[in-house]
Amino acid sequence: MKRQKRDLTSRAYQRGYRVGLAGKSKELCPSNTTESTHHWLTGWRQGRSDFWDGYQGVSSIHCAPNIP
């Protein structure tokens, strides 16, 4: 559990993916650091792509990057 909390880049990617999958704007990026912002936007782009491909709800589970 502690290791998961320390990996900020992975958490940023997962959060960005969730926002993108929900169809929300990338302007919601909460990150302050450049590296964290990069990973958040990468996740957002992947989530947005899955959103456009129709992966929503239960159908997106196999695409999701370790979403708890």
N, C-alpha and C. Protein backbone atom coordinates (compact mmCIF):
# COMPACT_ATOMS: atom_id res chain seq x y z
N MET A 1 0.82 -1.20 0.00
CA MET A 1 0.00 0.00 0.00
C MET A 1 0.86 1.25 0.00
N LYS A 2 1.91 1.27 0.82
CA LYS A 2 2.76 2.45 0.87
C LYS A 2 3.44 2.70 -0.47
N ARG A 3 3.86 1.61 -1.13
CA ARG A 3 4.53 1.77 -2.41
C ARG A 3 3.58 2.40 -3.43
N GLN A 4 2.32 1.99 -3.41
CA GLN A 4 1.34 2.54 -4.34
C GLN A 4 1.15 4.03 -4.09
N LYS A 5 1.13 4.43 -2.85
CA LYS A 5 0.94 5.84 -2.53
C LYS A 5 2.15 6.67 -2.95
N ARG A 6 3.34 6.08 -2.94
CA ARG A 6 4.55 6.82 -3.29
C ARG A 6 4.71 7.01 -4.79
N ASP A 7 4.11 6.15 -5.59
CA ASP A 7 4.26 6.23 -7.03
C ASP A 7 3.31 7.29 -7.58
N LEU A 8 3.73 8.52 -7.53
CA LEU A 8 2.86 9.64 -7.91
C LEU A 8 2.58 9.69 -9.41
N THR A 9 3.53 9.22 -10.22
CA THR A 9 3.30 9.26 -11.67
C THR A 9 2.20 8.29 -12.07
N SER A 10 2.19 7.12 -11.47
CA SER A 10 1.15 6.13 -11.76
C SER A 10 -0.22 6.64 -11.31
N ARG A 11 -0.25 7.25 -10.15
CA ARG A 11 -1.51 7.80 -9.64
C ARG A 11 -2.01 8.93 -10.54
N ALA A 12 -1.10 9.76 -11.02
CA ALA A 12 -1.50 10.85 -11.91
C ALA A 12 -2.08 10.29 -13.21
N TYR A 13 -1.44 9.24 -13.75
CA TYR A 13 -1.94 8.62 -14.97
C TYR A 13 -3.34 8.05 -14.76
N GLN A 14 -3.54 7.34 -13.66
CA GLN A 14 -4.84 6.72 -13.38
C GLN A 14 -5.93 7.77 -13.20
N ARG A 15 -5.60 8.84 -12.51
CA ARG A 15 -6.60 9.90 -12.31
C ARG A 15 -6.95 10.59 -13.63
N GLY A 16 -5.93 10.83 -14.44
CA GLY A 16 -6.18 11.42 -15.76
C GLY A 16 -7.01 10.51 -16.64
N TYR A 17 -6.74 9.20 -16.55
CA TYR A 17 -7.51 8.23 -17.33
C TYR A 17 -8.99 8.26 -16.93
N ARG A 18 -9.24 8.31 -15.64
CA ARG A 18 -10.63 8.35 -15.16
C ARG A 18 -11.36 9.60 -15.65
N VAL A 19 -10.67 10.74 -15.63
CA VAL A 19 -11.28 11.99 -16.08
C VAL A 19 -11.56 11.93 -17.58
N GLY A 20 -10.59 11.40 -18.35
CA GLY A 20 -10.78 11.27 -19.79
C GLY A 20 -11.89 10.31 -20.13
N LEU A 21 -11.98 9.21 -19.40
CA LEU A 21 -13.01 8.21 -19.65
C LEU A 21 -14.40 8.75 -19.33
N ALA A 22 -14.46 9.70 -18.41
CA ALA A 22 -15.73 10.33 -18.06
C ALA A 22 -16.13 11.40 -19.09
N GLY A 23 -15.22 11.70 -20.03
CA GLY A 23 -15.53 12.68 -21.07
C GLY A 23 -15.34 14.11 -20.64
N LYS A 24 -14.57 14.31 -19.58
CA LYS A 24 -14.36 15.66 -19.06
C LYS A 24 -13.16 16.34 -19.73
N SER A 25 -13.05 17.63 -19.53
CA SER A 25 -12.02 18.44 -20.16
C SER A 25 -10.65 18.25 -19.52
N LYS A 26 -9.60 18.42 -20.33
CA LYS A 26 -8.24 18.32 -19.80
C LYS A 26 -7.87 19.54 -18.96
N GLU A 27 -8.71 20.54 -18.96
CA GLU A 27 -8.46 21.73 -18.14
C GLU A 27 -8.60 21.42 -16.65
N LEU A 28 -9.10 20.25 -16.31
CA LEU A 28 -9.27 19.86 -14.91
C LEU A 28 -7.99 19.29 -14.31
N CYS A 29 -6.90 19.33 -15.02
CA CYS A 29 -5.63 18.78 -14.55
C CYS A 29 -5.18 19.50 -13.28
N PRO A 30 -5.08 18.78 -12.15
CA PRO A 30 -4.73 19.42 -10.89
C PRO A 30 -3.24 19.49 -10.61
N SER A 31 -2.42 18.94 -11.46
CA SER A 31 -0.98 18.80 -11.19
C SER A 31 -0.23 20.12 -11.28
N ASN A 32 0.78 20.22 -10.43
CA ASN A 32 1.62 21.41 -10.42
C ASN A 32 2.96 21.17 -11.08
N THR A 33 3.50 19.96 -10.95
CA THR A 33 4.81 19.67 -11.52
C THR A 33 4.69 19.25 -12.97
N THR A 34 5.74 19.47 -13.73
CA THR A 34 5.74 19.14 -15.14
C THR A 34 5.60 17.65 -15.38
N GLU A 35 6.33 16.84 -14.60
CA GLU A 35 6.29 15.39 -14.78
C GLU A 35 4.90 14.84 -14.47
N SER A 36 4.32 15.29 -13.39
CA SER A 36 3.00 14.83 -12.99
C SER A 36 1.94 15.25 -14.02
N THR A 37 2.07 16.45 -14.53
CA THR A 37 1.14 16.94 -15.54
C THR A 37 1.25 16.09 -16.81
N HIS A 38 2.47 15.74 -17.19
CA HIS A 38 2.69 14.91 -18.38
C HIS A 38 1.98 13.56 -18.24
N HIS A 39 2.14 12.90 -17.10
CA HIS A 39 1.52 11.60 -16.89
C HIS A 39 0.00 11.73 -16.80
N TRP A 40 -0.49 12.79 -16.18
CA TRP A 40 -1.93 13.00 -16.09
C TRP A 40 -2.52 13.17 -17.48
N LEU A 41 -1.88 13.99 -18.32
CA LEU A 41 -2.38 14.23 -19.67
C LEU A 41 -2.29 12.98 -20.54
N THR A 42 -1.26 12.17 -20.34
CA THR A 42 -1.14 10.92 -21.08
C THR A 42 -2.31 10.00 -20.72
N GLY A 43 -2.61 9.89 -19.44
CA GLY A 43 -3.76 9.09 -19.01
C GLY A 43 -5.06 9.66 -19.52
N TRP A 44 -5.18 10.99 -19.52
CA TRP A 44 -6.39 11.64 -20.01
C TRP A 44 -6.60 11.34 -21.50
N ARG A 45 -5.53 11.41 -22.28
CA ARG A 45 -5.64 11.13 -23.71
C ARG A 45 -6.08 9.69 -23.97
N GLN A 46 -5.51 8.74 -23.21
CA GLN A 46 -5.90 7.34 -23.36
C GLN A 46 -7.35 7.13 -22.94
N GLY A 47 -7.74 7.75 -21.84
CA GLY A 47 -9.12 7.64 -21.39
C GLY A 47 -10.09 8.28 -22.36
N ARG A 48 -9.70 9.39 -22.92
CA ARG A 48 -10.56 10.08 -23.90
C ARG A 48 -10.70 9.24 -25.17
N SER A 49 -9.61 8.62 -25.58
CA SER A 49 -9.64 7.74 -26.74
C SER A 49 -10.58 6.56 -26.50
N ASP A 50 -10.50 5.96 -25.32
CA ASP A 50 -11.39 4.86 -24.97
C ASP A 50 -12.85 5.34 -24.89
N PHE A 51 -13.05 6.57 -24.42
CA PHE A 51 -14.39 7.16 -24.35
C PHE A 51 -14.98 7.28 -25.76
N TRP A 52 -14.17 7.77 -26.70
CA TRP A 52 -14.64 7.92 -28.08
C TRP A 52 -14.88 6.57 -28.75
N ASP A 53 -14.13 5.55 -28.33
CA ASP A 53 -14.31 4.21 -28.90
C ASP A 53 -15.49 3.47 -28.28
N GLY A 54 -16.14 4.09 -27.31
CA GLY A 54 -17.33 3.50 -26.73
C GLY A 54 -17.10 2.64 -25.51
N TYR A 55 -15.89 2.68 -24.95
CA TYR A 55 -15.60 1.91 -23.75
C TYR A 55 -16.04 2.70 -22.53
N GLN A 56 -17.27 2.48 -22.11
CA GLN A 56 -17.80 3.17 -20.95
C GLN A 56 -18.44 2.16 -20.02
N GLY A 57 -18.39 2.45 -18.74
CA GLY A 57 -19.00 1.56 -17.76
C GLY A 57 -18.27 0.24 -17.67
N VAL A 58 -19.00 -0.85 -17.70
CA VAL A 58 -18.43 -2.19 -17.55
C VAL A 58 -17.54 -2.55 -18.73
N SER A 59 -17.83 -2.04 -19.91
CA SER A 59 -17.02 -2.39 -21.08
C SER A 59 -15.62 -1.80 -21.04
N SER A 60 -15.36 -0.86 -20.12
CA SER A 60 -14.03 -0.24 -20.04
C SER A 60 -13.13 -0.91 -19.03
N ILE A 61 -13.62 -1.92 -18.32
CA ILE A 61 -12.83 -2.54 -17.26
C ILE A 61 -11.56 -3.18 -17.81
N HIS A 62 -11.63 -3.84 -18.97
CA HIS A 62 -10.45 -4.50 -19.49
C HIS A 62 -9.41 -3.51 -20.01
N CYS A 63 -9.77 -2.27 -20.25
CA CYS A 63 -8.83 -1.26 -20.73
C CYS A 63 -8.22 -0.45 -19.59
N ALA A 64 -8.88 -0.43 -18.47
CA ALA A 64 -8.49 0.43 -17.35
C ALA A 64 -7.15 0.02 -16.75
N PRO A 65 -6.28 0.99 -16.49
CA PRO A 65 -4.97 0.70 -15.91
C PRO A 65 -5.04 0.57 -14.39
N ASN A 66 -5.38 -0.60 -13.88
CA ASN A 66 -5.40 -0.88 -12.44
C ASN A 66 -6.26 0.08 -11.65
N ILE A 67 -7.42 0.35 -12.11
CA ILE A 67 -8.32 1.25 -11.38
C ILE A 67 -8.98 0.47 -10.26
N PRO A 68 -8.84 0.96 -9.03
CA PRO A 68 -9.43 0.26 -7.89
C PRO A 68 -10.94 0.41 -7.83
